[in-house]
Amino acid sequence: MEAATTESSQIFANPDGTFTQEMNATPVRAQRPDGSWAPIDTSLLREAYG
């Protein structure tokens, strides 16, 4: 249910016909320019310059 997806919530259709909503206290995804959603990567990488 892409239309019901936001930065911090998402609704899933279950096989039995019910729905489950997943809600997060903080954003876990960001919307791309094409309208699709991408997970937010909060991992840090050590680079040669820092």
N, C-alpha and C. Protein backbone atom coordinates (compact mmCIF):
# COMPACT_ATOMS: atom_id res chain seq x y z
N MET A 1 0.84 -1.18 0.00
CA MET A 1 0.00 0.00 0.00
C MET A 1 0.88 1.24 0.00
N GLU A 2 1.47 1.49 -1.11
CA GLU A 2 2.41 2.60 -1.26
C GLU A 2 1.77 3.94 -0.89
N ALA A 3 0.49 4.13 -1.18
CA ALA A 3 -0.17 5.40 -0.90
C ALA A 3 -0.30 5.67 0.59
N ALA A 4 -0.25 4.63 1.41
CA ALA A 4 -0.39 4.78 2.86
C ALA A 4 0.96 4.86 3.56
N THR A 5 2.04 4.92 2.81
CA THR A 5 3.38 4.98 3.39
C THR A 5 3.77 6.44 3.64
N THR A 6 4.38 6.69 4.80
CA THR A 6 4.92 8.02 5.12
C THR A 6 6.35 7.83 5.61
N GLU A 7 6.98 8.92 6.03
CA GLU A 7 8.34 8.85 6.55
C GLU A 7 8.44 7.94 7.76
N SER A 8 7.38 7.87 8.55
CA SER A 8 7.46 7.13 9.81
C SER A 8 6.39 6.05 10.00
N SER A 9 5.56 5.80 9.00
CA SER A 9 4.56 4.73 9.13
C SER A 9 4.32 4.04 7.80
N GLN A 10 3.79 2.82 7.90
CA GLN A 10 3.51 2.03 6.70
C GLN A 10 2.39 1.04 7.05
N ILE A 11 1.50 0.80 6.10
CA ILE A 11 0.41 -0.15 6.30
C ILE A 11 0.62 -1.34 5.38
N PHE A 12 0.47 -2.54 5.95
CA PHE A 12 0.64 -3.78 5.20
C PHE A 12 -0.70 -4.50 5.12
N ALA A 13 -1.01 -5.08 3.97
CA ALA A 13 -2.18 -5.94 3.82
C ALA A 13 -1.77 -7.36 4.17
N ASN A 14 -2.47 -7.97 5.10
CA ASN A 14 -2.18 -9.33 5.53
C ASN A 14 -2.95 -10.34 4.67
N PRO A 15 -2.46 -11.57 4.56
CA PRO A 15 -3.12 -12.60 3.75
C PRO A 15 -4.57 -12.87 4.17
N ASP A 16 -4.90 -12.64 5.45
CA ASP A 16 -6.26 -12.92 5.92
C ASP A 16 -7.23 -11.76 5.67
N GLY A 17 -6.79 -10.72 4.98
CA GLY A 17 -7.65 -9.59 4.65
C GLY A 17 -7.60 -8.45 5.65
N THR A 18 -6.86 -8.60 6.73
CA THR A 18 -6.71 -7.52 7.71
C THR A 18 -5.50 -6.67 7.33
N PHE A 19 -5.32 -5.58 8.06
CA PHE A 19 -4.20 -4.68 7.81
C PHE A 19 -3.40 -4.50 9.09
N THR A 20 -2.10 -4.29 8.93
CA THR A 20 -1.21 -4.01 10.05
C THR A 20 -0.51 -2.69 9.76
N GLN A 21 -0.50 -1.79 10.75
CA GLN A 21 0.20 -0.53 10.60
C GLN A 21 1.46 -0.56 11.45
N GLU A 22 2.58 -0.25 10.83
CA GLU A 22 3.87 -0.13 11.52
C GLU A 22 4.15 1.35 11.70
N MET A 23 4.34 1.78 12.95
CA MET A 23 4.61 3.19 13.23
C MET A 23 5.94 3.33 13.96
N ASN A 24 6.71 4.35 13.59
CA ASN A 24 8.01 4.61 14.19
C ASN A 24 8.02 6.01 14.79
N ALA A 25 8.76 6.21 15.87
CA ALA A 25 8.82 7.51 16.54
C ALA A 25 9.59 8.54 15.72
N THR A 26 10.49 8.08 14.87
CA THR A 26 11.29 8.97 14.04
C THR A 26 11.21 8.49 12.59
N PRO A 27 11.54 9.33 11.62
CA PRO A 27 11.51 8.90 10.23
C PRO A 27 12.46 7.73 9.98
N VAL A 28 12.02 6.75 9.20
CA VAL A 28 12.85 5.60 8.85
C VAL A 28 13.01 5.47 7.34
N ARG A 29 12.34 6.33 6.59
CA ARG A 29 12.47 6.32 5.13
C ARG A 29 12.31 7.73 4.61
N ALA A 30 12.84 7.97 3.41
CA ALA A 30 12.75 9.28 2.76
C ALA A 30 12.17 9.08 1.37
N GLN A 31 11.38 10.05 0.94
CA GLN A 31 10.77 9.94 -0.38
C GLN A 31 11.72 10.46 -1.44
N ARG A 32 11.89 9.66 -2.47
CA ARG A 32 12.76 10.02 -3.60
C ARG A 32 11.99 10.95 -4.54
N PRO A 33 12.69 11.65 -5.44
CA PRO A 33 12.02 12.54 -6.39
C PRO A 33 10.97 11.83 -7.25
N ASP A 34 11.16 10.53 -7.51
CA ASP A 34 10.19 9.79 -8.33
C ASP A 34 8.98 9.31 -7.53
N GLY A 35 8.94 9.62 -6.22
CA GLY A 35 7.81 9.25 -5.39
C GLY A 35 7.98 7.95 -4.62
N SER A 36 9.00 7.17 -4.95
CA SER A 36 9.24 5.92 -4.22
C SER A 36 9.91 6.24 -2.89
N TRP A 37 9.96 5.25 -2.01
CA TRP A 37 10.53 5.43 -0.68
C TRP A 37 11.84 4.66 -0.55
N ALA A 38 12.79 5.24 0.17
CA ALA A 38 14.08 4.59 0.41
C ALA A 38 14.37 4.62 1.91
N PRO A 39 14.92 3.52 2.44
CA PRO A 39 15.26 3.52 3.87
C PRO A 39 16.35 4.55 4.17
N ILE A 40 16.27 5.14 5.35
CA ILE A 40 17.29 6.10 5.79
C ILE A 40 18.44 5.31 6.40
N ASP A 41 19.64 5.51 5.88
CA ASP A 41 20.83 4.82 6.37
C ASP A 41 21.52 5.72 7.39
N THR A 42 21.50 5.31 8.64
CA THR A 42 22.11 6.12 9.70
C THR A 42 23.49 5.60 10.12
N SER A 43 24.00 4.63 9.38
CA SER A 43 25.33 4.11 9.73
C SER A 43 26.41 5.12 9.34
N LEU A 44 27.48 5.11 10.07
CA LEU A 44 28.60 6.00 9.81
C LEU A 44 29.78 5.17 9.31
N LEU A 45 30.47 5.71 8.34
CA LEU A 45 31.65 5.04 7.79
C LEU A 45 32.87 5.92 8.02
N ARG A 46 33.96 5.30 8.42
CA ARG A 46 35.21 6.04 8.58
C ARG A 46 35.87 6.14 7.20
N GLU A 47 36.18 7.36 6.83
CA GLU A 47 36.84 7.63 5.55
C GLU A 47 38.27 8.12 5.81
N ALA A 48 39.10 8.11 4.80
CA ALA A 48 40.49 8.52 4.93
C ALA A 48 40.62 9.97 5.39
N TYR A 49 39.67 10.81 5.01
CA TYR A 49 39.74 12.23 5.35
C TYR A 49 39.02 12.56 6.66
N GLY A 50 38.50 11.58 7.37
CA GLY A 50 37.81 11.92 8.60
C GLY A 50 37.49 10.76 9.41
